[in-house]
């Protein structure tokens, strides 16, 4: 599975938006909300039965579906009663936490282990580390399959159907849908002003900024059919820049996650006896696996700042 597939490219993250249907022109934001919710829920339910160690892309698709639902609830907050937003957000957070660890292991195997030159991967320390990873991966996928087959997911899906897709309690906006869409996108742009100083953000602030970038890209996909003329063209350009920005920030996040996971493996399997052999030289492994990490992060931040400057120049009318 290539990184380009894992990172969410503009139209290949697996969740169809209203833009995917050329003839669709929703008359109201509520209609867009319902269509986006339907697409995201369909993706979760369609891919959940395929989630397995030998099909990590299915887990990615499921996680993207949950993230789209989260973006729907945040962007269309004015159309959803507050009590319903809060309960849905809690469930989304619960599922997100339980699906994240397996994905971290998948990406570690893909980005770190698989990139070790073939001749080095047969060396004892690398081979032992990979065995530890595979064992953790098997355990985590077993937990995830139980979560995705649970009554809790069925109840959550029924709630999404009732509250967001059927939408009997949704709140219509008195303003024109196109005006509400533009206002929503501009508000999200305002929240991204941290991008001016992305190269000096703390780790926590960088993580929050990345999530906002991702949600805004999703939101633009939701409301694209409502943006005509120049706004539509600007929105497409904005979405592409956000995709590029998301990829750079995601690379930094992945490198941090790889290092954290490595530390966790070191604690849980600090000797090769855990993998069936002698001791592992963890210090040497760290040097081999993470050489050049700081330089790569600096380069990603430099590119991210340049992309953000282009993004900031766009103005919707």
C-alpha atoms as a PDB file:
ATOM      1  CA  UNK A   1       0.000   0.000   0.000  1.00  0.00           C
ATOM      2  CA  UNK A   2       1.643   3.227  -1.097  1.00  0.00           C
ATOM      3  CA  UNK A   3       1.767   6.375   1.001  1.00  0.00           C
ATOM      4  CA  UNK A   4      -0.217   8.223  -1.674  1.00  0.00           C
ATOM      5  CA  UNK A   5      -3.069   5.787  -1.093  1.00  0.00           C
ATOM      6  CA  UNK A   6      -2.892   6.104   2.673  1.00  0.00           C
ATOM      7  CA  UNK A   7      -2.722   9.865   2.732  1.00  0.00           C
ATOM      8  CA  UNK A   8      -6.096  11.245   1.817  1.00  0.00           C
ATOM      9  CA  UNK A   9      -5.828  12.615  -1.698  1.00  0.00           C
ATOM     10  CA  UNK A  10      -8.426  15.029  -2.944  1.00  0.00           C
ATOM     11  CA  UNK A  11     -10.921  12.570  -4.414  1.00  0.00           C
ATOM     12  CA  UNK A  12      -9.546   9.163  -3.447  1.00  0.00           C
ATOM     13  CA  UNK A  13     -10.213   8.950   0.285  1.00  0.00           C
ATOM     14  CA  UNK A  14     -13.171   6.680  -0.333  1.00  0.00           C
ATOM     15  CA  UNK A  15     -16.087   8.844   0.796  1.00  0.00           C
ATOM     16  CA  UNK A  16     -18.213  10.234  -2.043  1.00  0.00           C
ATOM     17  CA  UNK A  17     -19.352  13.822  -1.577  1.00  0.00           C
ATOM     18  CA  UNK A  18     -22.130  15.739  -3.275  1.00  0.00           C
ATOM     19  CA  UNK A  19     -19.474  16.940  -5.717  1.00  0.00           C
ATOM     20  CA  UNK A  20     -19.161  13.344  -6.924  1.00  0.00           C
ATOM     21  CA  UNK A  21     -22.626  13.634  -8.469  1.00  0.00           C
ATOM     22  CA  UNK A  22     -22.575  16.312 -11.204  1.00  0.00           C
ATOM     23  CA  UNK A  23     -26.340  16.635 -11.351  1.00  0.00           C
ATOM     24  CA  UNK A  24     -26.803  17.056  -7.619  1.00  0.00           C
ATOM     25  CA  UNK A  25     -27.525  20.600  -6.489  1.00  0.00           C
ATOM     26  CA  UNK A  26     -28.836  20.484  -2.906  1.00  0.00           C
ATOM     27  CA  UNK A  27     -31.283  23.260  -2.138  1.00  0.00           C
ATOM     28  CA  UNK A  28     -30.259  23.645   1.497  1.00  0.00           C
ATOM     29  CA  UNK A  29     -27.422  23.007   3.890  1.00  0.00           C
ATOM     30  CA  UNK A  30     -29.569  20.409   5.641  1.00  0.00           C
ATOM     31  CA  UNK A  31     -29.697  18.406   2.411  1.00  0.00           C
ATOM     32  CA  UNK A  32     -25.901  18.581   2.137  1.00  0.00           C
ATOM     33  CA  UNK A  33     -25.566  17.476   5.765  1.00  0.00           C
ATOM     34  CA  UNK A  34     -27.829  14.491   5.139  1.00  0.00           C
ATOM     35  CA  UNK A  35     -25.999  13.453   1.957  1.00  0.00           C
ATOM     36  CA  UNK A  36     -22.574  13.706   3.608  1.00  0.00           C
ATOM     37  CA  UNK A  37     -23.753  11.719   6.633  1.00  0.00           C
ATOM     38  CA  UNK A  38     -25.225   9.005   4.419  1.00  0.00           C
ATOM     39  CA  UNK A  39     -22.006   8.656   2.409  1.00  0.00           C
ATOM     40  CA  UNK A  40     -19.795   8.460   5.515  1.00  0.00           C
ATOM     41  CA  UNK A  41     -22.005   5.929   7.308  1.00  0.00           C
ATOM     42  CA  UNK A  42     -22.258   3.777   4.174  1.00  0.00           C
ATOM     43  CA  UNK A  43     -18.479   3.676   3.963  1.00  0.00           C
ATOM     44  CA  UNK A  44     -18.093   2.534   7.572  1.00  0.00           C
ATOM     45  CA  UNK A  45     -20.664  -0.229   7.268  1.00  0.00           C
ATOM     46  CA  UNK A  46     -19.474  -1.357   3.820  1.00  0.00           C
ATOM     47  CA  UNK A  47     -15.821  -1.814   4.801  1.00  0.00           C
ATOM     48  CA  UNK A  48     -16.075  -3.005   8.413  1.00  0.00           C
ATOM     49  CA  UNK A  49     -16.418  -6.699   7.517  1.00  0.00           C
ATOM     50  CA  UNK A  50     -13.199  -6.563   5.457  1.00  0.00           C
ATOM     51  CA  UNK A  51     -11.012  -5.222   8.261  1.00  0.00           C
ATOM     52  CA  UNK A  52      -8.132  -7.671   8.690  1.00  0.00           C
ATOM     53  CA  UNK A  53      -4.337  -7.733   8.932  1.00  0.00           C
ATOM     54  CA  UNK A  54      -4.083  -8.646   5.250  1.00  0.00           C
ATOM     55  CA  UNK A  55      -6.380  -5.756   4.230  1.00  0.00           C
ATOM     56  CA  UNK A  56      -5.250  -2.657   6.153  1.00  0.00           C
ATOM     57  CA  UNK A  57      -6.835  -0.396   3.541  1.00  0.00           C
ATOM     58  CA  UNK A  58     -10.283  -1.486   4.803  1.00  0.00           C
ATOM     59  CA  UNK A  59      -9.444  -0.155   8.274  1.00  0.00           C
ATOM     60  CA  UNK A  60      -8.281   3.096   6.682  1.00  0.00           C
ATOM     61  CA  UNK A  61     -11.615   3.430   4.862  1.00  0.00           C
ATOM     62  CA  UNK A  62     -13.562   2.817   8.062  1.00  0.00           C
ATOM     63  CA  UNK A  63     -11.522   5.429   9.936  1.00  0.00           C
ATOM     64  CA  UNK A  64     -12.023   7.966   7.133  1.00  0.00           C
ATOM     65  CA  UNK A  65     -15.774   7.379   7.387  1.00  0.00           C
ATOM     66  CA  UNK A  66     -15.725   8.169  11.100  1.00  0.00           C
ATOM     67  CA  UNK A  67     -13.613  11.278  10.484  1.00  0.00           C
ATOM     68  CA  UNK A  68     -16.065  12.493   7.862  1.00  0.00           C
ATOM     69  CA  UNK A  69     -18.910  12.130  10.339  1.00  0.00           C
ATOM     70  CA  UNK A  70     -16.910  14.138  12.857  1.00  0.00           C
ATOM     71  CA  UNK A  71     -16.351  16.854  10.229  1.00  0.00           C
ATOM     72  CA  UNK A  72     -20.075  16.865   9.379  1.00  0.00           C
ATOM     73  CA  UNK A  73     -21.052  17.433  13.006  1.00  0.00           C
ATOM     74  CA  UNK A  74     -18.523  20.234  13.458  1.00  0.00           C
ATOM     75  CA  UNK A  75     -19.188  22.076  10.191  1.00  0.00           C
ATOM     76  CA  UNK A  76     -22.979  21.800  10.346  1.00  0.00           C
ATOM     77  CA  UNK A  77     -23.175  22.492  14.093  1.00  0.00           C
ATOM     78  CA  UNK A  78     -25.771  25.243  13.587  1.00  0.00           C
ATOM     79  CA  UNK A  79     -28.124  22.715  11.972  1.00  0.00           C
ATOM     80  CA  UNK A  80     -27.848  20.054  14.702  1.00  0.00           C
ATOM     81  CA  UNK A  81     -29.376  20.432  18.195  1.00  0.00           C
ATOM     82  CA  UNK A  82     -26.648  20.896  20.802  1.00  0.00           C
ATOM     83  CA  UNK A  83     -27.609  17.843  22.885  1.00  0.00           C
ATOM     84  CA  UNK A  84     -27.440  15.608  19.815  1.00  0.00           C
ATOM     85  CA  UNK A  85     -24.060  17.023  18.767  1.00  0.00           C
ATOM     86  CA  UNK A  86     -22.597  16.277  22.190  1.00  0.00           C
ATOM     87  CA  UNK A  87     -23.738  12.653  22.313  1.00  0.00           C
ATOM     88  CA  UNK A  88     -22.598  11.936  18.745  1.00  0.00           C
ATOM     89  CA  UNK A  89     -19.211  13.550  19.413  1.00  0.00           C
ATOM     90  CA  UNK A  90     -18.689  11.325  22.467  1.00  0.00           C
ATOM     91  CA  UNK A  91     -19.369   8.176  20.453  1.00  0.00           C
ATOM     92  CA  UNK A  92     -17.119   9.275  17.610  1.00  0.00           C
ATOM     93  CA  UNK A  93     -14.309   9.914  20.074  1.00  0.00           C
ATOM     94  CA  UNK A  94     -14.793   6.452  21.608  1.00  0.00           C
ATOM     95  CA  UNK A  95     -14.619   4.689  18.234  1.00  0.00           C
ATOM     96  CA  UNK A  96     -11.698   6.829  17.102  1.00  0.00           C
ATOM     97  CA  UNK A  97      -9.584   5.817  20.082  1.00  0.00           C
ATOM     98  CA  UNK A  98     -10.226   2.130  19.540  1.00  0.00           C
ATOM     99  CA  UNK A  99      -9.361   2.205  15.854  1.00  0.00           C
ATOM    100  CA  UNK A 100      -6.226   4.324  16.026  1.00  0.00           C
ATOM    101  CA  UNK A 101      -3.625   1.945  17.463  1.00  0.00           C
ATOM    102  CA  UNK A 102      -3.899  -0.673  14.732  1.00  0.00           C
ATOM    103  CA  UNK A 103      -3.476   2.016  12.120  1.00  0.00           C
ATOM    104  CA  UNK A 104      -0.333   3.254  13.899  1.00  0.00           C
ATOM    105  CA  UNK A 105       1.110  -0.259  13.721  1.00  0.00           C
ATOM    106  CA  UNK A 106       0.194  -0.604  10.027  1.00  0.00           C
ATOM    107  CA  UNK A 107       1.908   2.667   9.197  1.00  0.00           C
ATOM    108  CA  UNK A 108       4.985   1.809  11.286  1.00  0.00           C
ATOM    109  CA  UNK A 109       5.374  -1.434   9.349  1.00  0.00           C
ATOM    110  CA  UNK A 110       4.883   0.400   6.045  1.00  0.00           C
ATOM    111  CA  UNK A 111       6.913   3.544   6.675  1.00  0.00           C
ATOM    112  CA  UNK A 112       9.675   2.259   8.930  1.00  0.00           C
ATOM    113  CA  UNK A 113      10.170  -1.515   8.677  1.00  0.00           C
ATOM    114  CA  UNK A 114       9.390  -1.863   4.963  1.00  0.00           C
ATOM    115  CA  UNK A 115      11.791   0.956   4.097  1.00  0.00           C
ATOM    116  CA  UNK A 116      14.775  -0.742   5.673  1.00  0.00           C
ATOM    117  CA  UNK A 117      16.944  -2.048   2.808  1.00  0.00           C
ATOM    118  CA  UNK A 118      16.249  -5.714   2.073  1.00  0.00           C
ATOM    119  CA  UNK A 119      19.701  -6.919   3.094  1.00  0.00           C
ATOM    120  CA  UNK A 120      19.316  -5.278   6.526  1.00  0.00           C
ATOM    121  CA  UNK A 121      15.797  -6.583   7.154  1.00  0.00           C
ATOM    122  CA  UNK A 122      17.157 -10.090   7.598  1.00  0.00           C
ATOM    123  CA  UNK A 123      19.486  -8.925  10.370  1.00  0.00           C
ATOM    124  CA  UNK A 124      18.487 -10.310  13.805  1.00  0.00           C
ATOM    125  CA  UNK A 125      17.444  -7.035  15.457  1.00  0.00           C
ATOM    126  CA  UNK A 126      15.269  -5.852  12.546  1.00  0.00           C
ATOM    127  CA  UNK A 127      13.683  -9.284  12.141  1.00  0.00           C
ATOM    128  CA  UNK A 128      12.920  -9.485  15.864  1.00  0.00           C
ATOM    129  CA  UNK A 129      11.384  -5.999  15.846  1.00  0.00           C
ATOM    130  CA  UNK A 130       9.150  -6.920  12.928  1.00  0.00           C
ATOM    131  CA  UNK A 131       7.945 -10.052  14.761  1.00  0.00           C
ATOM    132  CA  UNK A 132       7.013  -7.939  17.776  1.00  0.00           C
ATOM    133  CA  UNK A 133       5.098  -5.560  15.505  1.00  0.00           C
ATOM    134  CA  UNK A 134       3.226  -8.378  13.784  1.00  0.00           C
ATOM    135  CA  UNK A 135       2.140  -9.842  17.112  1.00  0.00           C
ATOM    136  CA  UNK A 136       0.842  -6.471  18.284  1.00  0.00           C
ATOM    137  CA  UNK A 137      -0.909  -6.046  14.949  1.00  0.00           C
ATOM    138  CA  UNK A 138      -2.714  -9.382  15.234  1.00  0.00           C
ATOM    139  CA  UNK A 139      -3.907  -8.592  18.767  1.00  0.00           C
ATOM    140  CA  UNK A 140      -5.102  -5.119  17.828  1.00  0.00           C
ATOM    141  CA  UNK A 141      -7.017  -6.257  14.753  1.00  0.00           C
ATOM    142  CA  UNK A 142      -8.803  -8.865  16.845  1.00  0.00           C
ATOM    143  CA  UNK A 143      -9.951  -6.095  19.204  1.00  0.00           C
ATOM    144  CA  UNK A 144     -11.080  -3.924  16.303  1.00  0.00           C
ATOM    145  CA  UNK A 145     -13.091  -6.676  14.658  1.00  0.00           C
ATOM    146  CA  UNK A 146     -14.948  -7.115  17.949  1.00  0.00           C
ATOM    147  CA  UNK A 147     -15.659  -3.365  18.113  1.00  0.00           C
ATOM    148  CA  UNK A 148     -16.932  -3.246  14.533  1.00  0.00           C
ATOM    149  CA  UNK A 149     -19.174  -6.267  15.096  1.00  0.00           C
ATOM    150  CA  UNK A 150     -20.557  -4.884  18.360  1.00  0.00           C
ATOM    151  CA  UNK A 151     -24.044  -3.765  19.207  1.00  0.00           C
ATOM    152  CA  UNK A 152     -22.563  -0.390  20.066  1.00  0.00           C
ATOM    153  CA  UNK A 153     -21.723   0.244  16.410  1.00  0.00           C
ATOM    154  CA  UNK A 154     -25.191  -0.901  15.339  1.00  0.00           C
ATOM    155  CA  UNK A 155     -26.754   1.493  17.845  1.00  0.00           C
ATOM    156  CA  UNK A 156     -24.488   4.303  16.665  1.00  0.00           C
ATOM    157  CA  UNK A 157     -25.420   3.672  13.023  1.00  0.00           C
ATOM    158  CA  UNK A 158     -29.112   3.715  13.913  1.00  0.00           C
ATOM    159  CA  UNK A 159     -28.611   7.014  15.734  1.00  0.00           C
ATOM    160  CA  UNK A 160     -26.893   8.565  12.715  1.00  0.00           C
ATOM    161  CA  UNK A 161     -29.750   7.367  10.515  1.00  0.00           C
ATOM    162  CA  UNK A 162     -32.352   8.871  12.820  1.00  0.00           C
ATOM    163  CA  UNK A 163     -30.675  12.140  13.777  1.00  0.00           C
ATOM    164  CA  UNK A 164     -28.636  13.137  10.731  1.00  0.00           C
ATOM    165  CA  UNK A 165     -29.951  11.251   7.704  1.00  0.00           C
ATOM    166  CA  UNK A 166     -33.698  11.253   8.397  1.00  0.00           C
ATOM    167  CA  UNK A 167     -33.036  14.530  10.181  1.00  0.00           C
ATOM    168  CA  UNK A 168     -36.431  15.253  11.719  1.00  0.00           C
ATOM    169  CA  UNK A 169     -34.834  17.400  14.425  1.00  0.00           C
ATOM    170  CA  UNK A 170     -32.350  19.211  12.174  1.00  0.00           C
ATOM    171  CA  UNK A 171     -32.513  23.000  12.238  1.00  0.00           C
ATOM    172  CA  UNK A 172     -32.902  24.761   8.860  1.00  0.00           C
ATOM    173  CA  UNK A 173     -30.932  27.976   8.355  1.00  0.00           C
ATOM    174  CA  UNK A 174     -32.881  31.106   7.321  1.00  0.00           C
ATOM    175  CA  UNK A 175     -30.040  32.293   5.068  1.00  0.00           C
ATOM    176  CA  UNK A 176     -29.377  31.182   1.506  1.00  0.00           C
ATOM    177  CA  UNK A 177     -27.473  27.903   1.420  1.00  0.00           C
ATOM    178  CA  UNK A 178     -24.634  29.337  -0.678  1.00  0.00           C
ATOM    179  CA  UNK A 179     -24.191  32.227   1.777  1.00  0.00           C
ATOM    180  CA  UNK A 180     -24.110  29.843   4.740  1.00  0.00           C
ATOM    181  CA  UNK A 181     -21.594  27.650   2.938  1.00  0.00           C
ATOM    182  CA  UNK A 182     -19.272  30.579   2.197  1.00  0.00           C
ATOM    183  CA  UNK A 183     -19.604  31.877   5.764  1.00  0.00           C
ATOM    184  CA  UNK A 184     -18.757  28.452   7.161  1.00  0.00           C
ATOM    185  CA  UNK A 185     -15.675  28.054   4.966  1.00  0.00           C
ATOM    186  CA  UNK A 186     -14.448  31.580   5.807  1.00  0.00           C
ATOM    187  CA  UNK A 187     -14.837  30.882   9.520  1.00  0.00           C
ATOM    188  CA  UNK A 188     -12.721  27.749   9.138  1.00  0.00           C
ATOM    189  CA  UNK A 189     -10.111  29.797   7.261  1.00  0.00           C
ATOM    190  CA  UNK A 190      -9.967  32.197  10.192  1.00  0.00           C
ATOM    191  CA  UNK A 191      -9.223  29.304  12.550  1.00  0.00           C
ATOM    192  CA  UNK A 192      -6.294  28.272  10.391  1.00  0.00           C
ATOM    193  CA  UNK A 193      -4.305  31.457  10.950  1.00  0.00           C
ATOM    194  CA  UNK A 194      -1.837  29.456  13.004  1.00  0.00           C
ATOM    195  CA  UNK A 195      -0.474  28.331   9.662  1.00  0.00           C
ATOM    196  CA  UNK A 196       1.493  31.566   9.416  1.00  0.00           C
ATOM    197  CA  UNK A 197       3.716  30.266  12.206  1.00  0.00           C
ATOM    198  CA  UNK A 198       3.442  26.525  11.572  1.00  0.00           C
ATOM    199  CA  UNK A 199       7.208  26.106  11.851  1.00  0.00           C
ATOM    200  CA  UNK A 200       7.255  27.227  15.502  1.00  0.00           C
ATOM    201  CA  UNK A 201       4.054  25.603  16.803  1.00  0.00           C
ATOM    202  CA  UNK A 202       4.245  23.289  19.794  1.00  0.00           C
ATOM    203  CA  UNK A 203       3.595  19.604  19.244  1.00  0.00           C
ATOM    204  CA  UNK A 204       0.037  19.882  20.595  1.00  0.00           C
ATOM    205  CA  UNK A 205      -0.763  23.004  18.569  1.00  0.00           C
ATOM    206  CA  UNK A 206       0.626  21.419  15.413  1.00  0.00           C
ATOM    207  CA  UNK A 207      -1.628  18.395  15.984  1.00  0.00           C
ATOM    208  CA  UNK A 208      -4.692  20.641  16.431  1.00  0.00           C
ATOM    209  CA  UNK A 209      -3.785  22.638  13.346  1.00  0.00           C
ATOM    210  CA  UNK A 210      -3.498  19.454  11.276  1.00  0.00           C
ATOM    211  CA  UNK A 211      -6.957  18.309  12.401  1.00  0.00           C
ATOM    212  CA  UNK A 212      -8.447  21.687  11.441  1.00  0.00           C
ATOM    213  CA  UNK A 213      -6.830  21.466   8.004  1.00  0.00           C
ATOM    214  CA  UNK A 214      -8.316  18.014   7.499  1.00  0.00           C
ATOM    215  CA  UNK A 215     -11.807  19.050   8.636  1.00  0.00           C
ATOM    216  CA  UNK A 216     -11.784  22.095   6.396  1.00  0.00           C
ATOM    217  CA  UNK A 217     -10.857  20.022   3.352  1.00  0.00           C
ATOM    218  CA  UNK A 218     -13.722  17.656   4.119  1.00  0.00           C
ATOM    219  CA  UNK A 219     -16.120  20.579   4.607  1.00  0.00           C
ATOM    220  CA  UNK A 220     -15.218  22.072   1.232  1.00  0.00           C
ATOM    221  CA  UNK A 221     -16.040  18.709  -0.332  1.00  0.00           C
ATOM    222  CA  UNK A 222     -19.436  18.739   1.406  1.00  0.00           C
ATOM    223  CA  UNK A 223     -20.508  22.207   0.202  1.00  0.00           C
ATOM    224  CA  UNK A 224     -18.756  22.353  -3.189  1.00  0.00           C
ATOM    225  CA  UNK A 225     -22.075  22.073  -5.151  1.00  0.00           C
ATOM    226  CA  UNK A 226     -23.322  25.227  -3.421  1.00  0.00           C
ATOM    227  CA  UNK A 227     -20.355  27.354  -4.491  1.00  0.00           C
ATOM    228  CA  UNK A 228     -20.788  28.715  -8.000  1.00  0.00           C
ATOM    229  CA  UNK A 229     -18.584  30.699 -10.348  1.00  0.00           C
ATOM    230  CA  UNK A 230     -15.416  32.159  -8.867  1.00  0.00           C
ATOM    231  CA  UNK A 231     -16.127  30.740  -5.402  1.00  0.00           C
ATOM    232  CA  UNK A 232     -16.335  27.242  -6.821  1.00  0.00           C
ATOM    233  CA  UNK A 233     -13.003  27.659  -8.603  1.00  0.00           C
ATOM    234  CA  UNK A 234     -11.365  29.118  -5.494  1.00  0.00           C
ATOM    235  CA  UNK A 235     -12.750  26.310  -3.342  1.00  0.00           C
ATOM    236  CA  UNK A 236     -11.257  23.645  -5.616  1.00  0.00           C
ATOM    237  CA  UNK A 237      -7.872  25.347  -5.464  1.00  0.00           C
ATOM    238  CA  UNK A 238      -8.210  25.703  -1.706  1.00  0.00           C
ATOM    239  CA  UNK A 239      -9.011  22.003  -1.340  1.00  0.00           C
ATOM    240  CA  UNK A 240      -5.910  21.001  -3.304  1.00  0.00           C
ATOM    241  CA  UNK A 241      -3.664  23.240  -1.168  1.00  0.00           C
ATOM    242  CA  UNK A 242      -5.226  21.811   1.994  1.00  0.00           C
ATOM    243  CA  UNK A 243      -4.506  18.309   0.714  1.00  0.00           C
ATOM    244  CA  UNK A 244      -0.854  19.177   0.205  1.00  0.00           C
ATOM    245  CA  UNK A 245      -0.678  20.872   3.585  1.00  0.00           C
ATOM    246  CA  UNK A 246      -2.343  17.891   5.260  1.00  0.00           C
ATOM    247  CA  UNK A 247       0.204  15.531   3.727  1.00  0.00           C
ATOM    248  CA  UNK A 248       3.170  17.542   5.026  1.00  0.00           C
ATOM    249  CA  UNK A 249       1.701  17.800   8.513  1.00  0.00           C
ATOM    250  CA  UNK A 250       0.714  14.134   8.419  1.00  0.00           C
ATOM    251  CA  UNK A 251       4.292  13.146   7.636  1.00  0.00           C
ATOM    252  CA  UNK A 252       5.482  14.984  10.756  1.00  0.00           C
ATOM    253  CA  UNK A 253       2.759  13.385  12.870  1.00  0.00           C
ATOM    254  CA  UNK A 254       3.647   9.942  11.529  1.00  0.00           C
ATOM    255  CA  UNK A 255       7.318  10.373  12.397  1.00  0.00           C
ATOM    256  CA  UNK A 256       6.392  11.297  15.962  1.00  0.00           C
ATOM    257  CA  UNK A 257       3.990   8.331  16.191  1.00  0.00           C
ATOM    258  CA  UNK A 258       6.687   5.973  14.877  1.00  0.00           C
ATOM    259  CA  UNK A 259       9.095   7.085  17.585  1.00  0.00           C
ATOM    260  CA  UNK A 260       6.451   6.731  20.321  1.00  0.00           C
ATOM    261  CA  UNK A 261       5.493   3.260  19.111  1.00  0.00           C
ATOM    262  CA  UNK A 262       9.146   2.230  19.045  1.00  0.00           C
ATOM    263  CA  UNK A 263       9.506   3.339  22.693  1.00  0.00           C
ATOM    264  CA  UNK A 264       6.407   1.337  23.584  1.00  0.00           C
ATOM    265  CA  UNK A 265       7.789  -1.766  21.895  1.00  0.00           C
ATOM    266  CA  UNK A 266      11.048  -1.308  23.739  1.00  0.00           C
ATOM    267  CA  UNK A 267       9.218  -1.324  27.076  1.00  0.00           C
ATOM    268  CA  UNK A 268       7.027  -4.316  26.273  1.00  0.00           C
ATOM    269  CA  UNK A 269       9.689  -6.385  24.534  1.00  0.00           C
ATOM    270  CA  UNK A 270      12.988  -5.016  25.814  1.00  0.00           C
ATOM    271  CA  UNK A 271      14.749  -8.327  25.228  1.00  0.00           C
ATOM    272  CA  UNK A 272      14.738 -10.565  22.241  1.00  0.00           C
ATOM    273  CA  UNK A 273      13.340 -13.304  24.476  1.00  0.00           C
ATOM    274  CA  UNK A 274       9.938 -11.701  23.836  1.00  0.00           C
ATOM    275  CA  UNK A 275      10.459 -12.522  20.173  1.00  0.00           C
ATOM    276  CA  UNK A 276      12.021 -15.903  20.789  1.00  0.00           C
ATOM    277  CA  UNK A 277      15.706 -14.934  20.608  1.00  0.00           C
ATOM    278  CA  UNK A 278      18.428 -13.181  22.608  1.00  0.00           C
ATOM    279  CA  UNK A 279      18.751  -9.505  23.471  1.00  0.00           C
ATOM    280  CA  UNK A 280      17.885  -6.686  21.049  1.00  0.00           C
ATOM    281  CA  UNK A 281      20.225  -3.724  20.654  1.00  0.00           C
ATOM    282  CA  UNK A 282      17.511  -1.057  20.912  1.00  0.00           C
ATOM    283  CA  UNK A 283      19.914   1.861  20.794  1.00  0.00           C
ATOM    284  CA  UNK A 284      21.390   0.733  17.493  1.00  0.00           C
ATOM    285  CA  UNK A 285      17.932   0.017  16.097  1.00  0.00           C
ATOM    286  CA  UNK A 286      16.792   3.531  16.953  1.00  0.00           C
ATOM    287  CA  UNK A 287      19.802   5.003  15.182  1.00  0.00           C
ATOM    288  CA  UNK A 288      19.188   2.922  12.048  1.00  0.00           C
ATOM    289  CA  UNK A 289      15.432   3.467  11.866  1.00  0.00           C
ATOM    290  CA  UNK A 290      15.191   7.170  12.667  1.00  0.00           C
ATOM    291  CA  UNK A 291      18.282   8.667  11.075  1.00  0.00           C
ATOM    292  CA  UNK A 292      17.462  11.992   9.416  1.00  0.00           C
ATOM    293  CA  UNK A 293      14.142  12.418  11.245  1.00  0.00           C
ATOM    294  CA  UNK A 294      14.795  16.011  12.386  1.00  0.00           C
ATOM    295  CA  UNK A 295      15.988  17.084   8.961  1.00  0.00           C
ATOM    296  CA  UNK A 296      12.909  15.544   7.342  1.00  0.00           C
ATOM    297  CA  UNK A 297      10.603  17.335   9.801  1.00  0.00           C
ATOM    298  CA  UNK A 298      12.288  20.666   9.122  1.00  0.00           C
ATOM    299  CA  UNK A 299      11.837  20.169   5.387  1.00  0.00           C
ATOM    300  CA  UNK A 300       8.148  19.270   5.851  1.00  0.00           C
ATOM    301  CA  UNK A 301       7.553  22.391   7.966  1.00  0.00           C
ATOM    302  CA  UNK A 302       9.244  24.584   5.386  1.00  0.00           C
ATOM    303  CA  UNK A 303       7.035  23.176   2.623  1.00  0.00           C
ATOM    304  CA  UNK A 304       3.935  23.472   4.846  1.00  0.00           C
ATOM    305  CA  UNK A 305       4.585  27.167   5.484  1.00  0.00           C
ATOM    306  CA  UNK A 306       5.013  27.810   1.765  1.00  0.00           C
ATOM    307  CA  UNK A 307       1.754  25.998   0.970  1.00  0.00           C
ATOM    308  CA  UNK A 308      -0.078  27.941   3.667  1.00  0.00           C
ATOM    309  CA  UNK A 309       1.061  31.273   2.203  1.00  0.00           C
ATOM    310  CA  UNK A 310      -0.603  30.317  -1.094  1.00  0.00           C
ATOM    311  CA  UNK A 311      -3.728  29.163   0.761  1.00  0.00           C
ATOM    312  CA  UNK A 312      -3.979  32.436   2.688  1.00  0.00           C
ATOM    313  CA  UNK A 313      -4.078  34.468  -0.515  1.00  0.00           C
ATOM    314  CA  UNK A 314      -7.401  32.936  -1.568  1.00  0.00           C
ATOM    315  CA  UNK A 315     -10.485  35.052  -0.862  1.00  0.00           C
ATOM    316  CA  UNK A 316     -14.098  33.968  -1.248  1.00  0.00           C
ATOM    317  CA  UNK A 317     -16.703  36.558  -2.118  1.00  0.00           C
END
